[in-house]
Amino acid sequence: VQLQASGGGLVQAGGSLRLSCAASGRTFGAYAMGWFRQAPGKERESVAAVNWSGGTTYYADSVKGRFAIFRDSAKNTVYLQMNNLKPEDTAVYYCAARRPISGSDWYLGTMYDYWGQGTQVTVSS
């Protein structure tokens, strides 16, 4: 599976952005998808994930109620809708794919097998 993230940019605090992650490969539907981010000088952190069917989603506490992850299997694409953005959301955002999520380990980057190249999100105050 190859992943191509896009949609990042510069936005003012309170604004919105939608990130996209296009996947190649015929088995896209078999993978759970996640979004991670890494700010300068900080460790990578999990943001959100969605299971293979799109019926179950997971969110970091810091983005609950503001971000939404969803997938369009017909387009082999997963999205991250980001609303009410804050300066602390500034980071490079990465999408990733893994085998189906079981249990509570959705946030572990080590469980993801494929990674996109990242897209920069900058939120100004």
PDB file of N, CA and C in Angstrom:
ATOM      1  N   VAL A   1       0.852  -1.193   0.000  1.00  0.00           N
ATOM      2  CA  VAL A   1       0.000   0.000   0.000  1.00  0.00           C
ATOM      3  C   VAL A   1       0.886   1.240   0.000  1.00  0.00           C
ATOM      4  N   GLN A   2       0.605   2.138  -0.912  1.00  0.00           N
ATOM      5  CA  GLN A   2       1.306   3.428  -0.928  1.00  0.00           C
ATOM      6  C   GLN A   2       0.324   4.527  -0.557  1.00  0.00           C
ATOM      7  N   LEU A   3       0.782   5.465   0.269  1.00  0.00           N
ATOM      8  CA  LEU A   3      -0.097   6.507   0.790  1.00  0.00           C
ATOM      9  C   LEU A   3       0.421   7.884   0.397  1.00  0.00           C
ATOM     10  N   GLN A   4      -0.505   8.746  -0.002  1.00  0.00           N
ATOM     11  CA  GLN A   4      -0.154  10.106  -0.411  1.00  0.00           C
ATOM     12  C   GLN A   4      -1.046  11.072   0.347  1.00  0.00           C
ATOM     13  N   ALA A   5      -0.445  11.806   1.282  1.00  0.00           N
ATOM     14  CA  ALA A   5      -1.202  12.772   2.079  1.00  0.00           C
ATOM     15  C   ALA A   5      -1.179  14.142   1.422  1.00  0.00           C
ATOM     16  N   SER A   6      -2.260  14.876   1.585  1.00  0.00           N
ATOM     17  CA  SER A   6      -2.347  16.227   1.041  1.00  0.00           C
ATOM     18  C   SER A   6      -3.370  17.027   1.832  1.00  0.00           C
ATOM     19  N   GLY A   7      -3.428  18.337   1.555  1.00  0.00           N
ATOM     20  CA  GLY A   7      -4.451  19.179   2.159  1.00  0.00           C
ATOM     21  C   GLY A   7      -3.955  20.094   3.261  1.00  0.00           C
ATOM     22  N   GLY A   8      -2.694  19.989   3.629  1.00  0.00           N
ATOM     23  CA  GLY A   8      -2.170  20.860   4.657  1.00  0.00           C
ATOM     24  C   GLY A   8      -2.071  22.298   4.178  1.00  0.00           C
ATOM     25  N   GLY A   9      -1.777  23.186   5.102  1.00  0.00           N
ATOM     26  CA  GLY A   9      -1.639  24.587   4.746  1.00  0.00           C
ATOM     27  C   GLY A   9      -1.574  25.462   5.967  1.00  0.00           C
ATOM     28  N   LEU A  10      -1.695  26.761   5.724  1.00  0.00           N
ATOM     29  CA  LEU A  10      -1.672  27.770   6.786  1.00  0.00           C
ATOM     30  C   LEU A  10      -3.091  28.256   7.030  1.00  0.00           C
ATOM     31  N   VAL A  11      -3.507  28.242   8.277  1.00  0.00           N
ATOM     32  CA  VAL A  11      -4.859  28.663   8.624  1.00  0.00           C
ATOM     33  C   VAL A  11      -4.820  29.413   9.951  1.00  0.00           C
ATOM     34  N   GLN A  12      -5.742  30.322  10.131  1.00  0.00           N
ATOM     35  CA  GLN A  12      -5.832  31.043  11.394  1.00  0.00           C
ATOM     36  C   GLN A  12      -6.514  30.185  12.449  1.00  0.00           C
ATOM     37  N   ALA A  13      -6.217  30.472  13.683  1.00  0.00           N
ATOM     38  CA  ALA A  13      -6.867  29.772  14.790  1.00  0.00           C
ATOM     39  C   ALA A  13      -8.383  29.895  14.653  1.00  0.00           C
ATOM     40  N   GLY A  14      -9.066  28.788  14.892  1.00  0.00           N
ATOM     41  CA  GLY A  14     -10.510  28.744  14.732  1.00  0.00           C
ATOM     42  C   GLY A  14     -10.949  28.287  13.356  1.00  0.00           C
ATOM     43  N   GLY A  15     -10.015  28.213  12.438  1.00  0.00           N
ATOM     44  CA  GLY A  15     -10.332  27.803  11.078  1.00  0.00           C
ATOM     45  C   GLY A  15     -10.374  26.297  10.920  1.00  0.00           C
ATOM     46  N   SER A  16     -10.564  25.861   9.669  1.00  0.00           N
ATOM     47  CA  SER A  16     -10.703  24.444   9.358  1.00  0.00           C
ATOM     48  C   SER A  16      -9.817  24.037   8.188  1.00  0.00           C
ATOM     49  N   LEU A  17      -9.456  22.795   8.188  1.00  0.00           N
ATOM     50  CA  LEU A  17      -8.745  22.184   7.072  1.00  0.00           C
ATOM     51  C   LEU A  17      -9.219  20.742   6.941  1.00  0.00           C
ATOM     52  N   ARG A  18      -9.144  20.219   5.732  1.00  0.00           N
ATOM     53  CA  ARG A  18      -9.438  18.812   5.523  1.00  0.00           C
ATOM     54  C   ARG A  18      -8.216  18.161   4.877  1.00  0.00           C
ATOM     55  N   LEU A  19      -7.654  17.206   5.551  1.00  0.00           N
ATOM     56  CA  LEU A  19      -6.541  16.437   5.018  1.00  0.00           C
ATOM     57  C   LEU A  19      -7.074  15.208   4.293  1.00  0.00           C
ATOM     58  N   SER A  20      -6.368  14.836   3.244  1.00  0.00           N
ATOM     59  CA  SER A  20      -6.719  13.639   2.489  1.00  0.00           C
ATOM     60  C   SER A  20      -5.522  12.710   2.436  1.00  0.00           C
ATOM     61  N   CYS A  21      -5.813  11.437   2.379  1.00  0.00           N
ATOM     62  CA  CYS A  21      -4.763  10.435   2.242  1.00  0.00           C
ATOM     63  C   CYS A  21      -5.245   9.421   1.210  1.00  0.00           C
ATOM     64  N   ALA A  22      -4.643   9.486   0.036  1.00  0.00           N
ATOM     65  CA  ALA A  22      -5.023   8.583  -1.042  1.00  0.00           C
ATOM     66  C   ALA A  22      -4.139   7.347  -0.995  1.00  0.00           C
ATOM     67  N   ALA A  23      -4.765   6.202  -1.071  1.00  0.00           N
ATOM     68  CA  ALA A  23      -4.035   4.936  -0.989  1.00  0.00           C
ATOM     69  C   ALA A  23      -4.092   4.206  -2.313  1.00  0.00           C
ATOM     70  N   SER A  24      -2.999   3.591  -2.664  1.00  0.00           N
ATOM     71  CA  SER A  24      -2.970   2.735  -3.838  1.00  0.00           C
ATOM     72  C   SER A  24      -2.924   1.293  -3.376  1.00  0.00           C
ATOM     73  N   GLY A  25      -3.411   0.403  -4.190  1.00  0.00           N
ATOM     74  CA  GLY A  25      -3.413  -0.994  -3.802  1.00  0.00           C
ATOM     75  C   GLY A  25      -4.825  -1.518  -3.697  1.00  0.00           C
ATOM     76  N   ARG A  26      -5.004  -2.720  -4.120  1.00  0.00           N
ATOM     77  CA  ARG A  26      -6.356  -3.278  -4.181  1.00  0.00           C
ATOM     78  C   ARG A  26      -6.896  -3.683  -2.831  1.00  0.00           C
ATOM     79  N   THR A  27      -6.044  -3.725  -1.803  1.00  0.00           N
ATOM     80  CA  THR A  27      -6.502  -4.208  -0.507  1.00  0.00           C
ATOM     81  C   THR A  27      -6.734  -3.078   0.483  1.00  0.00           C
ATOM     82  N   PHE A  28      -6.969  -1.858  -0.035  1.00  0.00           N
ATOM     83  CA  PHE A  28      -7.165  -0.715   0.848  1.00  0.00           C
ATOM     84  C   PHE A  28      -8.243  -0.994   1.872  1.00  0.00           C
ATOM     85  N   GLY A  29      -9.317  -1.618   1.442  1.00  0.00           N
ATOM     86  CA  GLY A  29     -10.437  -1.851   2.326  1.00  0.00           C
ATOM     87  C   GLY A  29     -10.128  -2.769   3.494  1.00  0.00           C
ATOM     88  N   ALA A  30      -9.039  -3.511   3.432  1.00  0.00           N
ATOM     89  CA  ALA A  30      -8.693  -4.436   4.501  1.00  0.00           C
ATOM     90  C   ALA A  30      -7.894  -3.769   5.611  1.00  0.00           C
ATOM     91  N   TYR A  31      -7.486  -2.535   5.406  1.00  0.00           N
ATOM     92  CA  TYR A  31      -6.614  -1.860   6.358  1.00  0.00           C
ATOM     93  C   TYR A  31      -7.378  -0.847   7.204  1.00  0.00           C
ATOM     94  N   ALA A  32      -6.967  -0.766   8.464  1.00  0.00           N
ATOM     95  CA  ALA A  32      -7.364   0.358   9.284  1.00  0.00           C
ATOM     96  C   ALA A  32      -6.421   1.517   8.959  1.00  0.00           C
ATOM     97  N   MET A  33      -6.927   2.734   9.091  1.00  0.00           N
ATOM     98  CA  MET A  33      -6.141   3.912   8.733  1.00  0.00           C
ATOM     99  C   MET A  33      -6.040   4.855   9.917  1.00  0.00           C
ATOM    100  N   GLY A  34      -4.906   5.495  10.021  1.00  0.00           N
ATOM    101  CA  GLY A  34      -4.713   6.419  11.122  1.00  0.00           C
ATOM    102  C   GLY A  34      -4.021   7.688  10.678  1.00  0.00           C
ATOM    103  N   TRP A  35      -4.170   8.717  11.497  1.00  0.00           N
ATOM    104  CA  TRP A  35      -3.446   9.975  11.311  1.00  0.00           C
ATOM    105  C   TRP A  35      -2.589  10.222  12.551  1.00  0.00           C
ATOM    106  N   PHE A  36      -1.367  10.631  12.300  1.00  0.00           N
ATOM    107  CA  PHE A  36      -0.436  10.989  13.350  1.00  0.00           C
ATOM    108  C   PHE A  36       0.109  12.381  13.047  1.00  0.00           C
ATOM    109  N   ARG A  37       0.748  12.998  14.021  1.00  0.00           N
ATOM    110  CA  ARG A  37       1.360  14.294  13.777  1.00  0.00           C
ATOM    111  C   ARG A  37       2.629  14.433  14.608  1.00  0.00           C
ATOM    112  N   GLN A  38       3.502  15.281  14.115  1.00  0.00           N
ATOM    113  CA  GLN A  38       4.739  15.544  14.829  1.00  0.00           C
ATOM    114  C   GLN A  38       5.075  17.014  14.701  1.00  0.00           C
ATOM    115  N   ALA A  39       5.146  17.669  15.846  1.00  0.00           N
ATOM    116  CA  ALA A  39       5.525  19.075  15.894  1.00  0.00           C
ATOM    117  C   ALA A  39       7.035  19.176  16.088  1.00  0.00           C
ATOM    118  N   PRO A  40       7.639  20.293  15.713  1.00  0.00           N
ATOM    119  CA  PRO A  40       9.092  20.450  15.869  1.00  0.00           C
ATOM    120  C   PRO A  40       9.519  20.245  17.313  1.00  0.00           C
ATOM    121  N   GLY A  41      10.517  19.409  17.507  1.00  0.00           N
ATOM    122  CA  GLY A  41      11.047  19.175  18.836  1.00  0.00           C
ATOM    123  C   GLY A  41      10.209  18.277  19.714  1.00  0.00           C
ATOM    124  N   LYS A  42       9.148  17.729  19.147  1.00  0.00           N
ATOM    125  CA  LYS A  42       8.268  16.860  19.924  1.00  0.00           C
ATOM    126  C   LYS A  42       8.192  15.472  19.301  1.00  0.00           C
ATOM    127  N   GLU A  43       7.752  14.528  20.096  1.00  0.00           N
ATOM    128  CA  GLU A  43       7.577  13.177  19.598  1.00  0.00           C
ATOM    129  C   GLU A  43       6.309  13.089  18.747  1.00  0.00           C
ATOM    130  N   ARG A  44       6.309  12.113  17.885  1.00  0.00           N
ATOM    131  CA  ARG A  44       5.116  11.845  17.099  1.00  0.00           C
ATOM    132  C   ARG A  44       3.975  11.435  18.024  1.00  0.00           C
ATOM    133  N   GLU A  45       2.780  11.900  17.711  1.00  0.00           N
ATOM    134  CA  GLU A  45       1.634  11.527  18.530  1.00  0.00           C
ATOM    135  C   GLU A  45       0.478  11.098  17.638  1.00  0.00           C
ATOM    136  N   SER A  46      -0.335  10.224  18.177  1.00  0.00           N
ATOM    137  CA  SER A  46      -1.504   9.762  17.449  1.00  0.00           C
ATOM    138  C   SER A  46      -2.570  10.834  17.472  1.00  0.00           C
ATOM    139  N   VAL A  47      -3.368  10.879  16.409  1.00  0.00           N
ATOM    140  CA  VAL A  47      -4.442  11.854  16.302  1.00  0.00           C
ATOM    141  C   VAL A  47      -5.795  11.147  16.211  1.00  0.00           C
ATOM    142  N   ALA A  48      -5.938  10.261  15.251  1.00  0.00           N
ATOM    143  CA  ALA A  48      -7.208   9.581  15.038  1.00  0.00           C
ATOM    144  C   ALA A  48      -6.989   8.327  14.202  1.00  0.00           C
ATOM    145  N   ALA A  49      -7.958   7.426  14.255  1.00  0.00           N
ATOM    146  CA  ALA A  49      -7.897   6.219  13.432  1.00  0.00           C
ATOM    147  C   ALA A  49      -9.310   5.764  13.118  1.00  0.00           C
ATOM    148  N   VAL A  50      -9.409   4.986  12.059  1.00  0.00           N
ATOM    149  CA  VAL A  50     -10.700   4.440  11.652  1.00  0.00           C
ATOM    150  C   VAL A  50     -10.484   2.997  11.233  1.00  0.00           C
ATOM    151  N   ASN A  51     -11.416   2.130  11.592  1.00  0.00           N
ATOM    152  CA  ASN A  51     -11.229   0.724  11.253  1.00  0.00           C
ATOM    153  C   ASN A  51     -11.546   0.476   9.785  1.00  0.00           C
ATOM    154  N   TRP A  52     -11.412  -0.772   9.372  1.00  0.00           N
ATOM    155  CA  TRP A  52     -11.488  -1.065   7.945  1.00  0.00           C
ATOM    156  C   TRP A  52     -12.859  -0.761   7.363  1.00  0.00           C
ATOM    157  N   SER A  53     -13.902  -0.896   8.164  1.00  0.00           N
ATOM    158  CA  SER A  53     -15.248  -0.672   7.641  1.00  0.00           C
ATOM    159  C   SER A  53     -15.683   0.785   7.743  1.00  0.00           C
ATOM    160  N   GLY A  54     -14.947   1.552   8.504  1.00  0.00           N
ATOM    161  CA  GLY A  54     -15.341   2.942   8.726  1.00  0.00           C
ATOM    162  C   GLY A  54     -16.336   3.118   9.851  1.00  0.00           C
ATOM    163  N   GLY A  55     -16.726   2.015  10.474  1.00  0.00           N
ATOM    164  CA  GLY A  55     -17.754   2.099  11.495  1.00  0.00           C
ATOM    165  C   GLY A  55     -17.258   2.460  12.877  1.00  0.00           C
ATOM    166  N   THR A  56     -15.976   2.316  13.106  1.00  0.00           N
ATOM    167  CA  THR A  56     -15.412   2.623  14.418  1.00  0.00           C
ATOM    168  C   THR A  56     -14.278   3.618  14.256  1.00  0.00           C
ATOM    169  N   THR A  57     -14.330   4.653  15.049  1.00  0.00           N
ATOM    170  CA  THR A  57     -13.296   5.681  15.001  1.00  0.00           C
ATOM    171  C   THR A  57     -12.687   5.864  16.385  1.00  0.00           C
ATOM    172  N   TYR A  58     -11.477   6.379  16.374  1.00  0.00           N
ATOM    173  CA  TYR A  58     -10.729   6.592  17.606  1.00  0.00           C
ATOM    174  C   TYR A  58     -10.092   7.967  17.537  1.00  0.00           C
ATOM    175  N   TYR A  59     -10.034   8.650  18.675  1.00  0.00           N
ATOM    176  CA  TYR A  59      -9.478   9.995  18.707  1.00  0.00           C
ATOM    177  C   TYR A  59      -8.620  10.216  19.941  1.00  0.00           C
ATOM    178  N   ALA A  60      -7.587  10.996  19.762  1.00  0.00           N
ATOM    179  CA  ALA A  60      -6.838  11.472  20.909  1.00  0.00           C
ATOM    180  C   ALA A  60      -7.698  12.482  21.663  1.00  0.00           C
ATOM    181  N   ASP A  61      -7.523  12.547  22.960  1.00  0.00           N
ATOM    182  CA  ASP A  61      -8.332  13.465  23.767  1.00  0.00           C
ATOM    183  C   ASP A  61      -8.174  14.917  23.301  1.00  0.00           C
ATOM    184  N   SER A  62      -7.005  15.255  22.824  1.00  0.00           N
ATOM    185  CA  SER A  62      -6.725  16.639  22.446  1.00  0.00           C
ATOM    186  C   SER A  62      -7.510  17.099  21.215  1.00  0.00           C
ATOM    187  N   VAL A  63      -8.059  16.150  20.451  1.00  0.00           N
ATOM    188  CA  VAL A  63      -8.770  16.546  19.231  1.00  0.00           C
ATOM    189  C   VAL A  63     -10.238  16.127  19.239  1.00  0.00           C
ATOM    190  N   LYS A  64     -10.674  15.431  20.260  1.00  0.00           N
ATOM    191  CA  LYS A  64     -12.075  14.998  20.327  1.00  0.00           C
ATOM    192  C   LYS A  64     -13.016  16.198  20.253  1.00  0.00           C
ATOM    193  N   GLY A  65     -14.037  16.046  19.436  1.00  0.00           N
ATOM    194  CA  GLY A  65     -15.006  17.118  19.267  1.00  0.00           C
ATOM    195  C   GLY A  65     -14.606  18.158  18.241  1.00  0.00           C
ATOM    196  N   ARG A  66     -13.354  18.123  17.790  1.00  0.00           N
ATOM    197  CA  ARG A  66     -12.889  19.098  16.785  1.00  0.00           C
ATOM    198  C   ARG A  66     -12.508  18.424  15.467  1.00  0.00           C
ATOM    199  N   PHE A  67     -11.969  17.223  15.553  1.00  0.00           N
ATOM    200  CA  PHE A  67     -11.516  16.501  14.358  1.00  0.00           C
ATOM    201  C   PHE A  67     -12.454  15.331  14.077  1.00  0.00           C
ATOM    202  N   ALA A  68     -12.547  14.965  12.812  1.00  0.00           N
ATOM    203  CA  ALA A  68     -13.322  13.796  12.417  1.00  0.00           C
ATOM    204  C   ALA A  68     -12.563  13.038  11.336  1.00  0.00           C
ATOM    205  N   ILE A  69     -12.467  11.737  11.514  1.00  0.00           N
ATOM    206  CA  ILE A  69     -11.813  10.888  10.523  1.00  0.00           C
ATOM    207  C   ILE A  69     -12.876  10.047   9.834  1.00  0.00           C
ATOM    208  N   PHE A  70     -12.772   9.941   8.529  1.00  0.00           N
ATOM    209  CA  PHE A  70     -13.706   9.099   7.792  1.00  0.00           C
ATOM    210  C   PHE A  70     -13.029   8.640   6.509  1.00  0.00           C
ATOM    211  N   ARG A  71     -13.574   7.583   5.942  1.00  0.00           N
ATOM    212  CA  ARG A  71     -12.961   7.008   4.759  1.00  0.00           C
ATOM    213  C   ARG A  71     -13.987   6.832   3.660  1.00  0.00           C
ATOM    214  N   ASP A  72     -13.492   6.918   2.452  1.00  0.00           N
ATOM    215  CA  ASP A  72     -14.309   6.670   1.269  1.00  0.00           C
ATOM    216  C   ASP A  72     -13.633   5.524   0.535  1.00  0.00           C
ATOM    217  N   SER A  73     -14.140   4.329   0.741  1.00  0.00           N
ATOM    218  CA  SER A  73     -13.495   3.160   0.151  1.00  0.00           C
ATOM    219  C   SER A  73     -13.568   3.163  -1.364  1.00  0.00           C
ATOM    220  N   ALA A  74     -14.595   3.771  -1.916  1.00  0.00           N
ATOM    221  CA  ALA A  74     -14.710   3.831  -3.371  1.00  0.00           C
ATOM    222  C   ALA A  74     -13.581   4.647  -3.985  1.00  0.00           C
ATOM    223  N   LYS A  75     -13.078   5.602  -3.213  1.00  0.00           N
ATOM    224  CA  LYS A  75     -11.992   6.461  -3.685  1.00  0.00           C
ATOM    225  C   LYS A  75     -10.646   6.077  -3.069  1.00  0.00           C
ATOM    226  N   ASN A  76     -10.630   5.013  -2.271  1.00  0.00           N
ATOM    227  CA  ASN A  76      -9.392   4.601  -1.592  1.00  0.00           C
ATOM    228  C   ASN A  76      -8.758   5.766  -0.842  1.00  0.00           C
ATOM    229  N   THR A  77      -9.585   6.514  -0.157  1.00  0.00           N
ATOM    230  CA  THR A  77      -9.107   7.731   0.504  1.00  0.00           C
ATOM    231  C   THR A  77      -9.641   7.811   1.926  1.00  0.00           C
ATOM    232  N   VAL A  78      -8.794   8.278   2.823  1.00  0.00           N
ATOM    233  CA  VAL A  78      -9.210   8.573   4.184  1.00  0.00           C
ATOM    234  C   VAL A  78      -9.002  10.063   4.412  1.00  0.00           C
ATOM    235  N   TYR A  79      -9.902  10.652   5.169  1.00  0.00           N
ATOM    236  CA  TYR A  79      -9.892  12.094   5.389  1.00  0.00           C
ATOM    237  C   TYR A  79      -9.769  12.413   6.875  1.00  0.00           C
ATOM    238  N   LEU A  80      -9.222  13.569   7.147  1.00  0.00           N
ATOM    239  CA  LEU A  80      -9.230  14.093   8.500  1.00  0.00           C
ATOM    240  C   LEU A  80      -9.762  15.515   8.427  1.00  0.00           C
ATOM    241  N   GLN A  81     -10.987  15.686   8.867  1.00  0.00           N
ATOM    242  CA  GLN A  81     -11.599  17.008   8.917  1.00  0.00           C
ATOM    243  C   GLN A  81     -11.215  17.658  10.231  1.00  0.00           C
ATOM    244  N   MET A  82     -10.577  18.796  10.146  1.00  0.00           N
ATOM    245  CA  MET A  82     -10.077  19.469  11.340  1.00  0.00           C
ATOM    246  C   MET A  82     -10.782  20.819  11.474  1.00  0.00           C
ATOM    247  N   ASN A  83     -11.536  20.976  12.540  1.00  0.00           N
ATOM    248  CA  ASN A  83     -12.263  22.203  12.807  1.00  0.00           C
ATOM    249  C   ASN A  83     -11.747  22.861  14.075  1.00  0.00           C
ATOM    250  N   ASN A  84     -12.051  24.143  14.202  1.00  0.00           N
ATOM    251  CA  ASN A  84     -11.648  24.893  15.400  1.00  0.00           C
ATOM    252  C   ASN A  84     -10.161  24.657  15.705  1.00  0.00           C
ATOM    253  N   LEU A  85      -9.355  24.838  14.706  1.00  0.00           N
ATOM    254  CA  LEU A  85      -7.925  24.579  14.853  1.00  0.00           C
ATOM    255  C   LEU A  85      -7.280  25.540  15.837  1.00  0.00           C
ATOM    256  N   LYS A  86      -6.287  25.019  16.527  1.00  0.00           N
ATOM    257  CA  LYS A  86      -5.556  25.780  17.530  1.00  0.00           C
ATOM    258  C   LYS A  86      -4.081  25.828  17.157  1.00  0.00           C
ATOM    259  N   PRO A  87      -3.355  26.814  17.626  1.00  0.00           N
ATOM    260  CA  PRO A  87      -1.910  26.867  17.315  1.00  0.00           C
ATOM    261  C   PRO A  87      -1.176  25.591  17.707  1.00  0.00           C
ATOM    262  N   GLU A  88      -1.623  24.943  18.770  1.00  0.00           N
ATOM    263  CA  GLU A  88      -0.958  23.705  19.200  1.00  0.00           C
ATOM    264  C   GLU A  88      -1.223  22.528  18.269  1.00  0.00           C
ATOM    265  N   ASP A  89      -2.084  22.701  17.284  1.00  0.00           N
ATOM    266  CA  ASP A  89      -2.293  21.665  16.269  1.00  0.00           C
ATOM    267  C   ASP A  89      -1.241  21.735  15.164  1.00  0.00           C
ATOM    268  N   THR A  90      -0.422  22.763  15.200  1.00  0.00           N
ATOM    269  CA  THR A  90       0.624  22.915  14.193  1.00  0.00           C
ATOM    270  C   THR A  90       1.582  21.728  14.234  1.00  0.00           C
ATOM    271  N   ALA A  91       1.757  21.083  13.101  1.00  0.00           N
ATOM    272  CA  ALA A  91       2.603  19.889  13.024  1.00  0.00           C
ATOM    273  C   ALA A  91       2.626  19.391  11.585  1.00  0.00           C
ATOM    274  N   VAL A  92       3.489  18.433  11.337  1.00  0.00           N
ATOM    275  CA  VAL A  92       3.420  17.654  10.107  1.00  0.00           C
ATOM    276  C   VAL A  92       2.497  16.474  10.388  1.00  0.00           C
ATOM    277  N   TYR A  93       1.513  16.307   9.542  1.00  0.00           N
ATOM    278  CA  TYR A  93       0.530  15.242   9.721  1.00  0.00           C
ATOM    279  C   TYR A  93       0.820  14.100   8.756  1.00  0.00           C
ATOM    280  N   TYR A  94       0.788  12.885   9.290  1.00  0.00           N
ATOM    281  CA  TYR A  94       1.071  11.694   8.512  1.00  0.00           C
ATOM    282  C   TYR A  94      -0.128  10.755   8.554  1.00  0.00           C
ATOM    283  N   CYS A  95      -0.420  10.141   7.431  1.00  0.00           N
ATOM    284  CA  CYS A  95      -1.396   9.070   7.447  1.00  0.00           C
ATOM    285  C   CYS A  95      -0.664   7.741   7.422  1.00  0.00           C
ATOM    286  N   ALA A  96      -1.326   6.724   7.921  1.00  0.00           N
ATOM    287  CA  ALA A  96      -0.694   5.421   8.030  1.00  0.00           C
ATOM    288  C   ALA A  96      -1.753   4.327   7.934  1.00  0.00           C
ATOM    289  N   ALA A  97      -1.312   3.151   7.554  1.00  0.00           N
ATOM    290  CA  ALA A  97      -2.220   2.010   7.394  1.00  0.00           C
ATOM    291  C   ALA A  97      -1.701   0.818   8.195  1.00  0.00           C
ATOM    292  N   ARG A  98      -2.629   0.038   8.676  1.00  0.00           N
ATOM    293  CA  ARG A  98      -2.272  -1.144   9.465  1.00  0.00           C
ATOM    294  C   ARG A  98      -3.327  -2.214   9.288  1.00  0.00           C
ATOM    295  N   ARG A  99      -3.035  -3.382   9.781  1.00  0.00           N
ATOM    296  CA  ARG A  99      -4.029  -4.441   9.812  1.00  0.00           C
ATOM    297  C   ARG A  99      -5.141  -4.025  10.771  1.00  0.00           C
ATOM    298  N   PRO A 100      -6.282  -4.683  10.694  1.00  0.00           N
ATOM    299  CA  PRO A 100      -7.440  -4.265  11.501  1.00  0.00           C
ATOM    300  C   PRO A 100      -7.113  -4.057  12.974  1.00  0.00           C
ATOM    301  N   ILE A 101      -7.693  -3.021  13.520  1.00  0.00           N
ATOM    302  CA  ILE A 101      -7.480  -2.678  14.914  1.00  0.00           C
ATOM    303  C   ILE A 101      -8.260  -3.650  15.806  1.00  0.00           C
ATOM    304  N   SER A 102      -7.566  -4.196  16.768  1.00  0.00           N
ATOM    305  CA  SER A 102      -8.245  -5.014  17.778  1.00  0.00           C
ATOM    306  C   SER A 102      -7.767  -4.543  19.133  1.00  0.00           C
ATOM    307  N   GLY A 103      -8.666  -4.451  20.050  1.00  0.00           N
ATOM    308  CA  GLY A 103      -8.289  -3.950  21.356  1.00  0.00           C
ATOM    309  C   GLY A 103      -8.119  -2.450  21.355  1.00  0.00           C
ATOM    310  N   SER A 104      -7.222  -1.967  22.163  1.00  0.00           N
ATOM    311  CA  SER A 104      -7.097  -0.529  22.376  1.00  0.00           C
ATOM    312  C   SER A 104      -5.763   0.021  21.902  1.00  0.00           C
ATOM    313  N   ASP A 105      -5.130  -0.611  20.918  1.00  0.00           N
ATOM    314  CA  ASP A 105      -3.798  -0.181  20.507  1.00  0.00           C
ATOM    315  C   ASP A 105      -3.790   0.683  19.259  1.00  0.00           C
ATOM    316  N   TRP A 106      -4.906   1.358  18.965  1.00  0.00           N
ATOM    317  CA  TRP A 106      -4.997   2.135  17.735  1.00  0.00           C
ATOM    318  C   TRP A 106      -3.952   3.236  17.668  1.00  0.00           C
ATOM    319  N   TYR A 107      -3.494   3.705  18.826  1.00  0.00           N
ATOM    320  CA  TYR A 107      -2.628   4.869  18.894  1.00  0.00           C
ATOM    321  C   TYR A 107      -1.140   4.527  18.745  1.00  0.00           C
ATOM    322  N   LEU A 108      -0.820   3.251  18.694  1.00  0.00           N
ATOM    323  CA  LEU A 108       0.573   2.849  18.635  1.00  0.00           C
ATOM    324  C   LEU A 108       1.104   2.915  17.204  1.00  0.00           C
ATOM    325  N   GLY A 109       2.005   3.843  16.973  1.00  0.00           N
ATOM    326  CA  GLY A 109       2.574   3.978  15.649  1.00  0.00           C
ATOM    327  C   GLY A 109       3.300   2.744  15.182  1.00  0.00           C
ATOM    328  N   THR A 110       3.847   1.983  16.109  1.00  0.00           N
ATOM    329  CA  THR A 110       4.582   0.773  15.749  1.00  0.00           C
ATOM    330  C   THR A 110       3.682  -0.301  15.151  1.00  0.00           C
ATOM    331  N   MET A 111       2.380  -0.152  15.301  1.00  0.00           N
ATOM    332  CA  MET A 111       1.452  -1.147  14.766  1.00  0.00           C
ATOM    333  C   MET A 111       1.084  -0.843  13.310  1.00  0.00           C
ATOM    334  N   TYR A 112       1.522   0.286  12.785  1.00  0.00           N
ATOM    335  CA  TYR A 112       1.180   0.683  11.425  1.00  0.00           C
ATOM    336  C   TYR A 112       2.302   0.269  10.482  1.00  0.00           C
ATOM    337  N   ASP A 113       1.896  -0.328   9.367  1.00  0.00           N
ATOM    338  CA  ASP A 113       2.862  -0.916   8.447  1.00  0.00           C
ATOM    339  C   ASP A 113       3.271   0.026   7.320  1.00  0.00           C
ATOM    340  N   TYR A 114       2.399   0.955   6.966  1.00  0.00           N
ATOM    341  CA  TYR A 114       2.653   1.826   5.823  1.00  0.00           C
ATOM    342  C   TYR A 114       2.416   3.273   6.228  1.00  0.00           C
ATOM    343  N   TRP A 115       3.269   4.157   5.709  1.00  0.00           N
ATOM    344  CA  TRP A 115       3.195   5.573   6.073  1.00  0.00           C
ATOM    345  C   TRP A 115       3.256   6.450   4.829  1.00  0.00           C
ATOM    346  N   GLY A 116       2.502   7.538   4.884  1.00  0.00           N
ATOM    347  CA  GLY A 116       2.587   8.549   3.841  1.00  0.00           C
ATOM    348  C   GLY A 116       3.720   9.515   4.137  1.00  0.00           C
ATOM    349  N   GLN A 117       3.909  10.491   3.249  1.00  0.00           N
ATOM    350  CA  GLN A 117       5.054  11.382   3.341  1.00  0.00           C
ATOM    351  C   GLN A 117       4.845  12.578   4.260  1.00  0.00           C
ATOM    352  N   GLY A 118       3.641  12.842   4.702  1.00  0.00           N
ATOM    353  CA  GLY A 118       3.386  13.959   5.595  1.00  0.00           C
ATOM    354  C   GLY A 118       2.951  15.217   4.881  1.00  0.00           C
ATOM    355  N   THR A 119       2.113  15.996   5.551  1.00  0.00           N
ATOM    356  CA  THR A 119       1.666  17.283   5.036  1.00  0.00           C
ATOM    357  C   THR A 119       1.672  18.281   6.195  1.00  0.00           C
ATOM    358  N   GLN A 120       2.185  19.475   5.930  1.00  0.00           N
ATOM    359  CA  GLN A 120       2.373  20.477   6.986  1.00  0.00           C
ATOM    360  C   GLN A 120       1.065  21.219   7.260  1.00  0.00           C
ATOM    361  N   VAL A 121       0.732  21.314   8.525  1.00  0.00           N
ATOM    362  CA  VAL A 121      -0.396  22.125   8.977  1.00  0.00           C
ATOM    363  C   VAL A 121       0.146  23.181   9.927  1.00  0.00           C
ATOM    364  N   THR A 122      -0.109  24.441   9.618  1.00  0.00           N
ATOM    365  CA  THR A 122       0.342  25.539  10.453  1.00  0.00           C
ATOM    366  C   THR A 122      -0.862  26.386  10.842  1.00  0.00           C
ATOM    367  N   VAL A 123      -1.046  26.555  12.149  1.00  0.00           N
ATOM    368  CA  VAL A 123      -2.174  27.333  12.658  1.00  0.00           C
ATOM    369  C   VAL A 123      -1.618  28.582  13.334  1.00  0.00           C
ATOM    370  N   SER A 124      -1.981  29.726  12.831  1.00  0.00           N
ATOM    371  CA  SER A 124      -1.495  30.983  13.385  1.00  0.00           C
ATOM    372  C   SER A 124      -2.476  31.515  14.428  1.00  0.00           C
ATOM    373  N   SER A 125      -1.936  32.188  15.427  1.00  0.00           N
ATOM    374  CA  SER A 125      -2.787  32.714  16.505  1.00  0.00           C
ATOM    375  C   SER A 125      -3.298  34.098  16.178  1.00  0.00           C
TER     376      SER A 125
END
